[in-house]
C-alpha atoms as a PDB file:
ATOM      1  CA  MET A   1      -9.226  -0.327  31.324  1.00  0.00           C
ATOM      2  CA  LEU A   2      -5.551   0.183  32.017  1.00  0.00           C
ATOM      3  CA  LEU A   3      -4.127   3.596  32.873  1.00  0.00           C
ATOM      4  CA  ILE A   4      -0.483   3.788  31.784  1.00  0.00           C
ATOM      5  CA  SER A   5       1.712   6.669  32.948  1.00  0.00           C
ATOM      6  CA  ARG A   6       5.046   7.926  31.673  1.00  0.00           C
ATOM      7  CA  SER A   7       6.875   6.137  34.484  1.00  0.00           C
ATOM      8  CA  ASP A   8       4.976   2.932  33.647  1.00  0.00           C
ATOM      9  CA  ILE A   9       6.066   3.199  29.995  1.00  0.00           C
ATOM     10  CA  LYS A  10       9.695   3.675  30.963  1.00  0.00           C
ATOM     11  CA  LYS A  11       9.605   0.430  32.956  1.00  0.00           C
ATOM     12  CA  VAL A  12       8.657  -1.707  29.971  1.00  0.00           C
ATOM     13  CA  PHE A  13       9.379   0.133  26.694  1.00  0.00           C
ATOM     14  CA  THR A  14      12.677   1.322  25.198  1.00  0.00           C
ATOM     15  CA  MET A  15      13.575   3.608  22.306  1.00  0.00           C
ATOM     16  CA  LYS A  16      14.581   0.529  20.327  1.00  0.00           C
ATOM     17  CA  ASP A  17      11.090  -0.871  20.954  1.00  0.00           C
ATOM     18  CA  ALA A  18       9.627   2.435  19.760  1.00  0.00           C
ATOM     19  CA  ILE A  19      11.680   2.410  16.541  1.00  0.00           C
ATOM     20  CA  GLU A  20      10.483  -1.112  15.751  1.00  0.00           C
ATOM     21  CA  ALA A  21       6.867  -0.127  16.489  1.00  0.00           C
ATOM     22  CA  VAL A  22       7.112   2.905  14.219  1.00  0.00           C
ATOM     23  CA  LYS A  23       8.637   0.867  11.391  1.00  0.00           C
ATOM     24  CA  LEU A  24       5.662  -1.486  11.676  1.00  0.00           C
ATOM     25  CA  ALA A  25       3.366   1.546  11.639  1.00  0.00           C
ATOM     26  CA  PHE A  26       4.947   2.903   8.469  1.00  0.00           C
ATOM     27  CA  MET A  27       4.648  -0.506   6.791  1.00  0.00           C
ATOM     28  CA  THR A  28       1.024  -0.846   7.882  1.00  0.00           C
ATOM     29  CA  PHE A  29       0.272   2.596   6.483  1.00  0.00           C
ATOM     30  CA  SER A  30       2.023   1.996   3.158  1.00  0.00           C
ATOM     31  CA  GLU A  31       0.288  -1.363   2.731  1.00  0.00           C
ATOM     32  CA  GLY A  32      -3.065   0.375   3.099  1.00  0.00           C
ATOM     33  CA  LYS A  33      -3.895  -1.667   6.178  1.00  0.00           C
ATOM     34  CA  SER A  34      -4.795   1.285   8.365  1.00  0.00           C
ATOM     35  CA  ASP A  35      -7.534   3.874   8.264  1.00  0.00           C
ATOM     36  CA  VAL A  36      -5.913   7.187   9.153  1.00  0.00           C
ATOM     37  CA  PRO A  37      -7.973  10.306   8.429  1.00  0.00           C
ATOM     38  CA  LEU A  38      -6.087  13.582   8.271  1.00  0.00           C
ATOM     39  CA  ARG A  39      -5.865  15.165  11.683  1.00  0.00           C
ATOM     40  CA  THR A  40      -8.320  17.802  12.870  1.00  0.00           C
ATOM     41  CA  VAL A  41      -6.601  21.009  13.943  1.00  0.00           C
ATOM     42  CA  ILE A  42      -8.286  23.682  16.048  1.00  0.00           C
ATOM     43  CA  GLN A  43      -6.428  26.973  16.394  1.00  0.00           C
ATOM     44  CA  ALA A  44      -6.131  28.754  19.731  1.00  0.00           C
ATOM     45  CA  PRO A  45      -4.601  32.103  18.645  1.00  0.00           C
ATOM     46  CA  LYS A  46      -4.995  33.617  22.114  1.00  0.00           C
ATOM     47  CA  TYR A  47      -2.149  31.336  23.222  1.00  0.00           C
ATOM     48  CA  GLU A  48      -0.468  30.870  19.803  1.00  0.00           C
ATOM     49  CA  ALA A  49      -1.497  27.250  20.196  1.00  0.00           C
ATOM     50  CA  THR A  50      -3.398  24.418  18.535  1.00  0.00           C
ATOM     51  CA  PHE A  51      -5.545  21.475  19.595  1.00  0.00           C
ATOM     52  CA  VAL A  52      -4.975  18.425  17.400  1.00  0.00           C
ATOM     53  CA  ILE A  53      -7.188  15.309  17.203  1.00  0.00           C
ATOM     54  CA  MET A  54      -5.730  12.220  15.516  1.00  0.00           C
ATOM     55  CA  PRO A  55      -7.873   9.068  15.066  1.00  0.00           C
ATOM     56  CA  GLY A  56      -6.720   5.785  13.562  1.00  0.00           C
ATOM     57  CA  TYR A  57      -7.774   2.165  13.063  1.00  0.00           C
ATOM     58  CA  ALA A  58      -5.831  -0.988  12.184  1.00  0.00           C
ATOM     59  CA  ALA A  59      -8.125  -3.920  11.389  1.00  0.00           C
ATOM     60  CA  GLN A  60      -5.326  -6.491  11.474  1.00  0.00           C
ATOM     61  CA  LEU A  61      -4.576  -5.499  15.070  1.00  0.00           C
ATOM     62  CA  ASP A  62      -8.253  -5.223  16.057  1.00  0.00           C
ATOM     63  CA  THR A  63      -7.328  -1.864  17.538  1.00  0.00           C
ATOM     64  CA  ALA A  64      -8.369   1.748  17.186  1.00  0.00           C
ATOM     65  CA  ALA A  65      -6.900   4.770  18.941  1.00  0.00           C
ATOM     66  CA  VAL A  66      -7.487   8.469  19.256  1.00  0.00           C
ATOM     67  CA  LYS A  67      -4.780  10.877  20.303  1.00  0.00           C
ATOM     68  CA  VAL A  68      -5.509  14.405  21.404  1.00  0.00           C
ATOM     69  CA  VAL A  69      -2.294  16.425  21.404  1.00  0.00           C
ATOM     70  CA  ASN A  70      -2.244  20.134  22.111  1.00  0.00           C
ATOM     71  CA  ILE A  71       0.664  22.256  20.887  1.00  0.00           C
ATOM     72  CA  PHE A  72       1.384  25.115  23.282  1.00  0.00           C
ATOM     73  CA  PRO A  73       4.888  26.463  22.465  1.00  0.00           C
ATOM     74  CA  LYS A  74       4.843  28.986  25.311  1.00  0.00           C
ATOM     75  CA  ASN A  75       4.579  26.161  27.851  1.00  0.00           C
ATOM     76  CA  VAL A  76       8.368  25.981  27.734  1.00  0.00           C
ATOM     77  CA  GLU A  77       8.393  29.251  29.681  1.00  0.00           C
ATOM     78  CA  LEU A  78       6.232  27.565  32.340  1.00  0.00           C
ATOM     79  CA  GLU A  79       8.502  24.500  32.395  1.00  0.00           C
ATOM     80  CA  LYS A  80       5.584  22.418  31.142  1.00  0.00           C
ATOM     81  CA  SER A  81       5.333  20.135  28.133  1.00  0.00           C
ATOM     82  CA  THR A  82       4.817  22.013  24.871  1.00  0.00           C
ATOM     83  CA  ALA A  83       2.747  19.084  23.555  1.00  0.00           C
ATOM     84  CA  PRO A  84       0.510  17.697  26.340  1.00  0.00           C
ATOM     85  CA  ALA A  85      -1.454  14.716  25.072  1.00  0.00           C
ATOM     86  CA  VAL A  86      -3.425  11.588  25.836  1.00  0.00           C
ATOM     87  CA  VAL A  87      -3.946   8.432  23.761  1.00  0.00           C
ATOM     88  CA  THR A  88      -7.043   6.298  24.208  1.00  0.00           C
ATOM     89  CA  VAL A  89      -6.695   2.740  22.897  1.00  0.00           C
ATOM     90  CA  PHE A  90      -9.894   0.892  21.923  1.00  0.00           C
ATOM     91  CA  ASP A  91     -10.558  -2.833  21.581  1.00  0.00           C
ATOM     92  CA  GLY A  92     -11.412  -3.235  17.901  1.00  0.00           C
ATOM     93  CA  THR A  93     -13.650  -6.247  18.562  1.00  0.00           C
ATOM     94  CA  THR A  94     -15.987  -4.583  21.089  1.00  0.00           C
ATOM     95  CA  GLY A  95     -15.290  -0.855  20.756  1.00  0.00           C
ATOM     96  CA  GLU A  96     -14.546  -0.656  24.469  1.00  0.00           C
ATOM     97  CA  PRO A  97     -11.700   1.537  25.741  1.00  0.00           C
ATOM     98  CA  ALA A  98      -8.802  -0.732  26.639  1.00  0.00           C
ATOM     99  CA  ALA A  99      -6.232   1.785  27.855  1.00  0.00           C
ATOM    100  CA  ILE A 100      -5.469   5.425  28.417  1.00  0.00           C
ATOM    101  CA  VAL A 101      -1.795   6.077  27.824  1.00  0.00           C
ATOM    102  CA  ASP A 102       0.342   9.138  28.573  1.00  0.00           C
ATOM    103  CA  GLY A 103       0.117  10.680  25.131  1.00  0.00           C
ATOM    104  CA  THR A 104       2.766  13.294  25.822  1.00  0.00           C
ATOM    105  CA  TYR A 105       5.407  10.611  26.193  1.00  0.00           C
ATOM    106  CA  VAL A 106       3.944   8.444  23.409  1.00  0.00           C
ATOM    107  CA  THR A 107       4.225  11.458  21.103  1.00  0.00           C
ATOM    108  CA  GLN A 108       7.814  12.079  22.134  1.00  0.00           C
ATOM    109  CA  LEU A 109       8.709   8.406  21.702  1.00  0.00           C
ATOM    110  CA  ARG A 110       7.060   7.810  18.342  1.00  0.00           C
ATOM    111  CA  THR A 111       8.230  11.148  16.910  1.00  0.00           C
ATOM    112  CA  GLY A 112      11.781  10.412  17.976  1.00  0.00           C
ATOM    113  CA  ALA A 113      11.423   6.868  16.701  1.00  0.00           C
ATOM    114  CA  ALA A 114      10.355   8.160  13.263  1.00  0.00           C
ATOM    115  CA  SER A 115      13.699   9.951  12.997  1.00  0.00           C
ATOM    116  CA  GLY A 116      15.457   6.857  14.346  1.00  0.00           C
ATOM    117  CA  ALA A 117      13.774   4.677  11.729  1.00  0.00           C
ATOM    118  CA  ALA A 118      14.729   7.135   8.983  1.00  0.00           C
ATOM    119  CA  PHE A 119      18.359   7.128  10.110  1.00  0.00           C
ATOM    120  CA  GLU A 120      18.449   3.316  10.317  1.00  0.00           C
ATOM    121  CA  LEU A 121      17.042   3.012   6.805  1.00  0.00           C
ATOM    122  CA  LEU A 122      18.419   6.059   4.973  1.00  0.00           C
ATOM    123  CA  ALA A 123      21.595   7.307   6.653  1.00  0.00           C
ATOM    124  CA  LYS A 124      24.976   6.159   5.438  1.00  0.00           C
ATOM    125  CA  LYS A 125      26.459   3.191   7.249  1.00  0.00           C
ATOM    126  CA  ASP A 126      29.301   4.963   9.052  1.00  0.00           C
ATOM    127  CA  CYS A 127      27.866   7.936  10.949  1.00  0.00           C
ATOM    128  CA  LYS A 128      29.925   9.576  13.691  1.00  0.00           C
ATOM    129  CA  LYS A 129      28.614  13.129  14.065  1.00  0.00           C
ATOM    130  CA  GLY A 130      25.068  14.288  14.711  1.00  0.00           C
ATOM    131  CA  ALA A 131      23.328  17.645  15.081  1.00  0.00           C
ATOM    132  CA  LEU A 132      20.116  18.537  16.870  1.00  0.00           C
ATOM    133  CA  ILE A 133      18.441  21.916  16.318  1.00  0.00           C
ATOM    134  CA  GLY A 134      15.903  22.582  19.082  1.00  0.00           C
ATOM    135  CA  THR A 135      15.746  21.756  22.791  1.00  0.00           C
ATOM    136  CA  GLY A 136      11.991  21.752  23.454  1.00  0.00           C
ATOM    137  CA  GLY A 137       9.737  18.961  24.654  1.00  0.00           C
ATOM    138  CA  GLN A 138      10.442  16.658  21.689  1.00  0.00           C
ATOM    139  CA  ALA A 139      14.213  17.099  21.749  1.00  0.00           C
ATOM    140  CA  ALA A 140      15.240  14.494  24.331  1.00  0.00           C
ATOM    141  CA  CYS A 141      13.598  11.594  22.490  1.00  0.00           C
ATOM    142  CA  GLN A 142      14.894  12.876  19.155  1.00  0.00           C
ATOM    143  CA  LEU A 143      18.387  12.835  20.595  1.00  0.00           C
ATOM    144  CA  GLU A 144      17.999   9.357  22.063  1.00  0.00           C
ATOM    145  CA  ALA A 145      16.654   8.071  18.746  1.00  0.00           C
ATOM    146  CA  MET A 146      19.706   9.447  16.953  1.00  0.00           C
ATOM    147  CA  VAL A 147      22.191   7.739  19.237  1.00  0.00           C
ATOM    148  CA  CYS A 148      20.085   4.576  19.359  1.00  0.00           C
ATOM    149  CA  ALA A 149      19.916   4.300  15.566  1.00  0.00           C
ATOM    150  CA  LYS A 150      23.558   5.133  14.875  1.00  0.00           C
ATOM    151  CA  ASP A 151      26.797   4.671  16.820  1.00  0.00           C
ATOM    152  CA  LEU A 152      27.605   8.356  17.097  1.00  0.00           C
ATOM    153  CA  GLU A 153      30.659   9.823  18.782  1.00  0.00           C
ATOM    154  CA  VAL A 154      29.283  13.342  19.257  1.00  0.00           C
ATOM    155  CA  VAL A 155      26.036  15.264  18.810  1.00  0.00           C
ATOM    156  CA  LYS A 156      26.101  19.059  18.753  1.00  0.00           C
ATOM    157  CA  VAL A 157      22.935  20.734  20.008  1.00  0.00           C
ATOM    158  CA  TYR A 158      21.727  24.257  19.296  1.00  0.00           C
ATOM    159  CA  SER A 159      18.793  26.447  20.275  1.00  0.00           C
ATOM    160  CA  ARG A 160      18.418  30.222  20.450  1.00  0.00           C
ATOM    161  CA  ASN A 161      18.498  30.158  24.262  1.00  0.00           C
ATOM    162  CA  LYS A 162      22.161  29.572  25.124  1.00  0.00           C
ATOM    163  CA  GLU A 163      21.562  28.743  28.784  1.00  0.00           C
ATOM    164  CA  ARG A 164      18.818  26.254  27.925  1.00  0.00           C
ATOM    165  CA  THR A 165      21.045  24.645  25.304  1.00  0.00           C
ATOM    166  CA  GLN A 166      23.886  24.197  27.766  1.00  0.00           C
ATOM    167  CA  ALA A 167      21.558  22.841  30.455  1.00  0.00           C
ATOM    168  CA  PHE A 168      19.994  20.433  27.946  1.00  0.00           C
ATOM    169  CA  ALA A 169      23.391  19.146  26.817  1.00  0.00           C
ATOM    170  CA  GLN A 170      24.466  18.603  30.420  1.00  0.00           C
ATOM    171  CA  GLN A 171      21.254  16.764  31.270  1.00  0.00           C
ATOM    172  CA  MET A 172      21.404  14.576  28.171  1.00  0.00           C
ATOM    173  CA  ASN A 173      25.027  13.639  28.795  1.00  0.00           C
ATOM    174  CA  GLU A 174      23.847  12.215  32.102  1.00  0.00           C
ATOM    175  CA  GLU A 175      20.614  10.587  30.912  1.00  0.00           C
ATOM    176  CA  LEU A 176      22.105   9.037  27.768  1.00  0.00           C
ATOM    177  CA  LYS A 177      25.561   8.158  29.058  1.00  0.00           C
ATOM    178  CA  ALA A 178      24.982   4.455  28.410  1.00  0.00           C
ATOM    179  CA  TYR A 179      25.161   5.180  24.675  1.00  0.00           C
ATOM    180  CA  GLY A 180      28.720   6.532  24.998  1.00  0.00           C
ATOM    181  CA  CYS A 181      28.081   9.639  22.886  1.00  0.00           C
ATOM    182  CA  LEU A 182      29.248  13.124  23.837  1.00  0.00           C
ATOM    183  CA  ILE A 183      26.543  15.799  23.730  1.00  0.00           C
ATOM    184  CA  GLU A 184      27.911  19.315  23.153  1.00  0.00           C
ATOM    185  CA  ALA A 185      26.228  22.730  23.093  1.00  0.00           C
ATOM    186  CA  ALA A 186      26.923  24.638  19.862  1.00  0.00           C
ATOM    187  CA  ASN A 187      27.051  28.431  19.514  1.00  0.00           C
ATOM    188  CA  SER A 188      25.114  28.454  16.225  1.00  0.00           C
ATOM    189  CA  SER A 189      23.084  26.138  14.057  1.00  0.00           C
ATOM    190  CA  ASP A 190      25.709  26.260  11.318  1.00  0.00           C
ATOM    191  CA  GLU A 191      28.346  25.211  13.839  1.00  0.00           C
ATOM    192  CA  ALA A 192      26.079  22.365  14.936  1.00  0.00           C
ATOM    193  CA  ILE A 193      25.591  20.939  11.436  1.00  0.00           C
ATOM    194  CA  GLU A 194      29.205  21.343  10.341  1.00  0.00           C
ATOM    195  CA  ASP A 195      30.386  17.905   9.174  1.00  0.00           C
ATOM    196  CA  ALA A 196      27.237  16.277  10.652  1.00  0.00           C
ATOM    197  CA  ASP A 197      26.218  12.929   9.198  1.00  0.00           C
ATOM    198  CA  ILE A 198      22.693  13.004  10.622  1.00  0.00           C
ATOM    199  CA  ILE A 199      20.660  16.063  11.585  1.00  0.00           C
ATOM    200  CA  VAL A 200      17.326  16.621  13.301  1.00  0.00           C
ATOM    201  CA  THR A 201      15.414  19.896  13.256  1.00  0.00           C
ATOM    202  CA  VAL A 202      12.666  20.049  15.888  1.00  0.00           C
ATOM    203  CA  THR A 203      11.535  23.643  16.360  1.00  0.00           C
ATOM    204  CA  PRO A 204       8.363  25.700  15.742  1.00  0.00           C
ATOM    205  CA  SER A 205      10.332  28.068  13.508  1.00  0.00           C
ATOM    206  CA  THR A 206       8.759  29.923  10.592  1.00  0.00           C
ATOM    207  CA  LYS A 207      12.099  30.468   8.869  1.00  0.00           C
ATOM    208  CA  PRO A 208      15.004  28.129   8.053  1.00  0.00           C
ATOM    209  CA  VAL A 209      17.132  27.203  11.060  1.00  0.00           C
ATOM    210  CA  PHE A 210      20.382  26.427   9.204  1.00  0.00           C
ATOM    211  CA  ASP A 211      22.091  27.277   5.928  1.00  0.00           C
ATOM    212  CA  GLY A 212      21.327  24.561   3.397  1.00  0.00           C
ATOM    213  CA  ASP A 213      24.557  25.248   1.521  1.00  0.00           C
ATOM    214  CA  LYS A 214      26.517  24.079   4.575  1.00  0.00           C
ATOM    215  CA  LEU A 215      24.959  20.608   4.524  1.00  0.00           C
ATOM    216  CA  LYS A 216      27.694  18.130   3.714  1.00  0.00           C
ATOM    217  CA  LYS A 217      27.428  15.436   1.070  1.00  0.00           C
ATOM    218  CA  GLY A 218      26.118  12.184   2.522  1.00  0.00           C
ATOM    219  CA  ALA A 219      24.082  13.894   5.244  1.00  0.00           C
ATOM    220  CA  THR A 220      20.612  12.717   6.230  1.00  0.00           C
ATOM    221  CA  VAL A 221      18.203  15.269   7.692  1.00  0.00           C
ATOM    222  CA  SER A 222      15.020  14.492   9.628  1.00  0.00           C
ATOM    223  CA  CYS A 223      12.710  17.514   9.678  1.00  0.00           C
ATOM    224  CA  VAL A 224      10.239  17.242  12.534  1.00  0.00           C
ATOM    225  CA  GLY A 225       8.938  20.618  13.619  1.00  0.00           C
ATOM    226  CA  ALA A 226       7.083  22.073  10.605  1.00  0.00           C
ATOM    227  CA  TYR A 227       3.646  20.574  11.140  1.00  0.00           C
ATOM    228  CA  GLN A 228       1.726  23.587   9.784  1.00  0.00           C
ATOM    229  CA  HIS A 229       1.787  25.485   6.469  1.00  0.00           C
ATOM    230  CA  HIS A 230       3.434  28.613   7.888  1.00  0.00           C
ATOM    231  CA  MET A 231       6.257  26.709   9.609  1.00  0.00           C
ATOM    232  CA  GLN A 232       9.558  26.272   7.797  1.00  0.00           C
ATOM    233  CA  GLU A 233      12.663  24.904   9.512  1.00  0.00           C
ATOM    234  CA  LEU A 234      14.373  23.573   6.412  1.00  0.00           C
ATOM    235  CA  ASP A 235      16.283  25.849   4.056  1.00  0.00           C
ATOM    236  CA  PRO A 236      14.873  25.273   0.534  1.00  0.00           C
ATOM    237  CA  LYS A 237      18.482  25.180  -0.682  1.00  0.00           C
ATOM    238  CA  ALA A 238      18.820  21.863   1.148  1.00  0.00           C
ATOM    239  CA  LEU A 239      15.823  20.500  -0.760  1.00  0.00           C
ATOM    240  CA  VAL A 240      17.268  21.681  -4.067  1.00  0.00           C
ATOM    241  CA  ARG A 241      20.569  19.962  -3.213  1.00  0.00           C
ATOM    242  CA  ALA A 242      18.878  16.789  -1.955  1.00  0.00           C
ATOM    243  CA  ASP A 243      19.216  13.609  -3.993  1.00  0.00           C
ATOM    244  CA  LYS A 244      16.156  12.025  -2.374  1.00  0.00           C
ATOM    245  CA  ILE A 245      13.193  13.290  -0.345  1.00  0.00           C
ATOM    246  CA  TYR A 246      11.111  10.907   1.774  1.00  0.00           C
ATOM    247  CA  PHE A 247       8.024  11.327   3.945  1.00  0.00           C
ATOM    248  CA  ASP A 248       6.139   9.519   6.656  1.00  0.00           C
ATOM    249  CA  SER A 249       3.048  10.244   4.531  1.00  0.00           C
ATOM    250  CA  LYS A 250       3.173  12.316   1.358  1.00  0.00           C
ATOM    251  CA  GLU A 251      -0.525  13.158   1.720  1.00  0.00           C
ATOM    252  CA  ALA A 252      -0.099  14.353   5.304  1.00  0.00           C
ATOM    253  CA  VAL A 253       3.062  16.333   4.518  1.00  0.00           C
ATOM    254  CA  LEU A 254       1.488  18.082   1.532  1.00  0.00           C
ATOM    255  CA  SER A 255      -1.543  19.001   3.632  1.00  0.00           C
ATOM    256  CA  GLU A 256       0.494  20.467   6.483  1.00  0.00           C
ATOM    257  CA  ALA A 257       4.260  20.915   6.281  1.00  0.00           C
ATOM    258  CA  GLY A 258       5.542  24.352   5.298  1.00  0.00           C
ATOM    259  CA  ASP A 259       9.015  22.859   4.824  1.00  0.00           C
ATOM    260  CA  ILE A 260       7.664  21.264   1.654  1.00  0.00           C
ATOM    261  CA  THR A 261       4.584  23.284   0.673  1.00  0.00           C
ATOM    262  CA  ILE A 262       6.323  26.681   0.691  1.00  0.00           C
ATOM    263  CA  PRO A 263       9.170  25.790  -1.719  1.00  0.00           C
ATOM    264  CA  LEU A 264       6.720  23.679  -3.742  1.00  0.00           C
ATOM    265  CA  ASN A 265       4.393  26.652  -4.201  1.00  0.00           C
ATOM    266  CA  GLU A 266       7.364  28.882  -5.028  1.00  0.00           C
ATOM    267  CA  GLY A 267       8.482  26.490  -7.754  1.00  0.00           C
ATOM    268  CA  LEU A 268      11.832  25.701  -6.131  1.00  0.00           C
ATOM    269  CA  ILE A 269      10.963  21.999  -6.125  1.00  0.00           C
ATOM    270  CA  THR A 270       8.306  19.880  -7.826  1.00  0.00           C
ATOM    271  CA  GLU A 271       6.556  16.655  -6.907  1.00  0.00           C
ATOM    272  CA  ASP A 272       8.911  14.902  -9.331  1.00  0.00           C
ATOM    273  CA  ASP A 273      11.626  15.508  -6.724  1.00  0.00           C
ATOM    274  CA  PHE A 274       9.801  13.369  -4.144  1.00  0.00           C
ATOM    275  CA  THR A 275      11.037   9.820  -3.655  1.00  0.00           C
ATOM    276  CA  GLY A 276       8.201   8.373  -1.565  1.00  0.00           C
ATOM    277  CA  ASP A 277       7.093   7.235   1.879  1.00  0.00           C
ATOM    278  CA  LEU A 278       9.410   5.510   4.345  1.00  0.00           C
ATOM    279  CA  GLY A 279       7.040   2.552   4.650  1.00  0.00           C
ATOM    280  CA  ASP A 280       7.626   1.770   0.990  1.00  0.00           C
ATOM    281  CA  VAL A 281      11.383   1.689   1.622  1.00  0.00           C
ATOM    282  CA  ILE A 282      10.824  -0.873   4.383  1.00  0.00           C
ATOM    283  CA  LEU A 283       8.583  -2.925   2.083  1.00  0.00           C
ATOM    284  CA  GLY A 284      11.148  -2.795  -0.727  1.00  0.00           C
ATOM    285  CA  ASN A 285       8.801  -0.920  -3.069  1.00  0.00           C
ATOM    286  CA  ILE A 286      11.218   1.986  -3.502  1.00  0.00           C
ATOM    287  CA  LYS A 287      14.943   2.328  -3.007  1.00  0.00           C
ATOM    288  CA  GLY A 288      16.674   3.919  -0.054  1.00  0.00           C
ATOM    289  CA  ARG A 289      20.212   5.298  -0.042  1.00  0.00           C
ATOM    290  CA  GLU A 290      22.250   4.184  -3.043  1.00  0.00           C
ATOM    291  CA  SER A 291      25.543   6.003  -2.422  1.00  0.00           C
ATOM    292  CA  GLU A 292      27.506   7.465   0.461  1.00  0.00           C
ATOM    293  CA  ASP A 293      27.379  10.947  -1.087  1.00  0.00           C
ATOM    294  CA  GLU A 294      23.616  11.290  -1.405  1.00  0.00           C
ATOM    295  CA  ILE A 295      21.949  14.067   0.581  1.00  0.00           C
ATOM    296  CA  ILE A 296      18.668  12.703   1.906  1.00  0.00           C
ATOM    297  CA  ILE A 297      15.769  14.591   3.472  1.00  0.00           C
ATOM    298  CA  PHE A 298      13.043  12.961   5.585  1.00  0.00           C
ATOM    299  CA  GLU A 299      10.015  15.120   6.354  1.00  0.00           C
ATOM    300  CA  THR A 300       7.650  13.903   9.075  1.00  0.00           C
ATOM    301  CA  VAL A 301       4.475  15.467  10.433  1.00  0.00           C
ATOM    302  CA  GLY A 302       3.301  12.363  12.270  1.00  0.00           C
ATOM    303  CA  ILE A 303       0.403  10.071  11.412  1.00  0.00           C
ATOM    304  CA  ALA A 304      -2.088   8.515  13.804  1.00  0.00           C
ATOM    305  CA  VAL A 305      -1.060   4.944  13.001  1.00  0.00           C
ATOM    306  CA  GLN A 306       2.270   5.686  14.721  1.00  0.00           C
ATOM    307  CA  ASP A 307       0.426   6.560  17.919  1.00  0.00           C
ATOM    308  CA  LEU A 308      -1.918   3.615  17.540  1.00  0.00           C
ATOM    309  CA  ILE A 309       0.754   0.956  17.068  1.00  0.00           C
ATOM    310  CA  THR A 310       3.146   2.468  19.618  1.00  0.00           C
ATOM    311  CA  ALA A 311       0.416   2.783  22.254  1.00  0.00           C
ATOM    312  CA  LYS A 312      -0.861  -0.740  21.456  1.00  0.00           C
ATOM    313  CA  ALA A 313       2.665  -2.158  21.860  1.00  0.00           C
ATOM    314  CA  ILE A 314       3.038  -0.359  25.189  1.00  0.00           C
ATOM    315  CA  PHE A 315      -0.386  -1.596  26.329  1.00  0.00           C
ATOM    316  CA  ASP A 316       0.371  -5.216  25.386  1.00  0.00           C
ATOM    317  CA  ILE A 317       3.677  -5.261  27.269  1.00  0.00           C
ATOM    318  CA  ALA A 318       2.281  -3.384  30.284  1.00  0.00           C
ATOM    319  CA  LYS A 319      -0.674  -5.772  30.509  1.00  0.00           C
ATOM    320  CA  GLU A 320       1.606  -8.808  30.255  1.00  0.00           C
ATOM    321  CA  LYS A 321       3.932  -7.507  32.973  1.00  0.00           C
ATOM    322  CA  GLY A 322       1.225  -6.205  35.280  1.00  0.00           C
ATOM    323  CA  ILE A 323       2.295  -2.581  34.898  1.00  0.00           C
ATOM    324  CA  GLY A 324      -0.204   0.290  35.087  1.00  0.00           C
ATOM    325  CA  THR A 325      -3.372   1.025  37.057  1.00  0.00           C
ATOM    326  CA  ASN A 326      -6.612  -0.849  36.440  1.00  0.00           C
ATOM    327  CA  TRP A 327      -9.709   1.339  36.296  1.00  0.00           C
ATOM    328  CA  GLU A 328     -13.254   0.089  35.994  1.00  0.00           C
ATOM    329  CA  ALA A 329     -16.020   2.474  35.006  1.00  0.00           C
ATOM    330  CA  ASP A 330     -19.466   2.136  36.554  1.00  0.00           C
ATOM    331  CA  ASN A 331     -21.915   0.450  34.219  1.00  0.00           C
END
């Protein structure tokens, strides 16, 4: 069995690789070629946290995987990951564990890559300005996915902690300088999204994080943070204004995401407003963007096949290049 750390992953796997892996995952899911039960969520109210177990199987890859990811928002105060995780990859022909992969980084990569895939497929061709709401553990990969998917000139970043926002922008300007995009700290979320072509929201907020009326025509929004019913980053006004609404998985979103379930239950939108899953766009089963003025929303809660295929791709490359630590269990 191969143990693959974050530093090992960075040696062999790029954000572009992650976006391609996630597009394959979405196609595999939409084709019905994966078995992905809804995740199991265990609440830990003492810490305002959750333990999440996500299994998946892809017969065509002869691979299964289980990710355990634990959402502890207060970890940011401890300067620890807010989503510590591990992914175990299993050989689908023998059932034996093939690899244990740093699930924290896999989660960051594949979640960012989902936004990147959405922007590649749904955003208008000429995008110059981006906005990122949130600077937590998922934010860095979300930002890299944005600038990897589109040739942006500037991304404005906002979070409620001004010092953290400024520090994040400074750090990202250094880490992502090869992309040639300026990262700026914004004083408000509305300032951040002003004239933005692509927007990511990645917060644990229970109320909208920007004014939906300020969303410009032609904008594409990837909503990442609302993975539970009570969470709501997206202003329902943005959904009402949206020309198209896509998901990673409609079933998963409707079972979890407050961004969609709250306005749906309030009658502000109906299921007739939903366009479909991103995998079906890739497969050509449904249309993507049809005009430069369309406002498009992509809601993602994450599905286990993303972790499975991303971790499998990392494992294959690491094994080929001799990266990682071999571990043999006693029989």
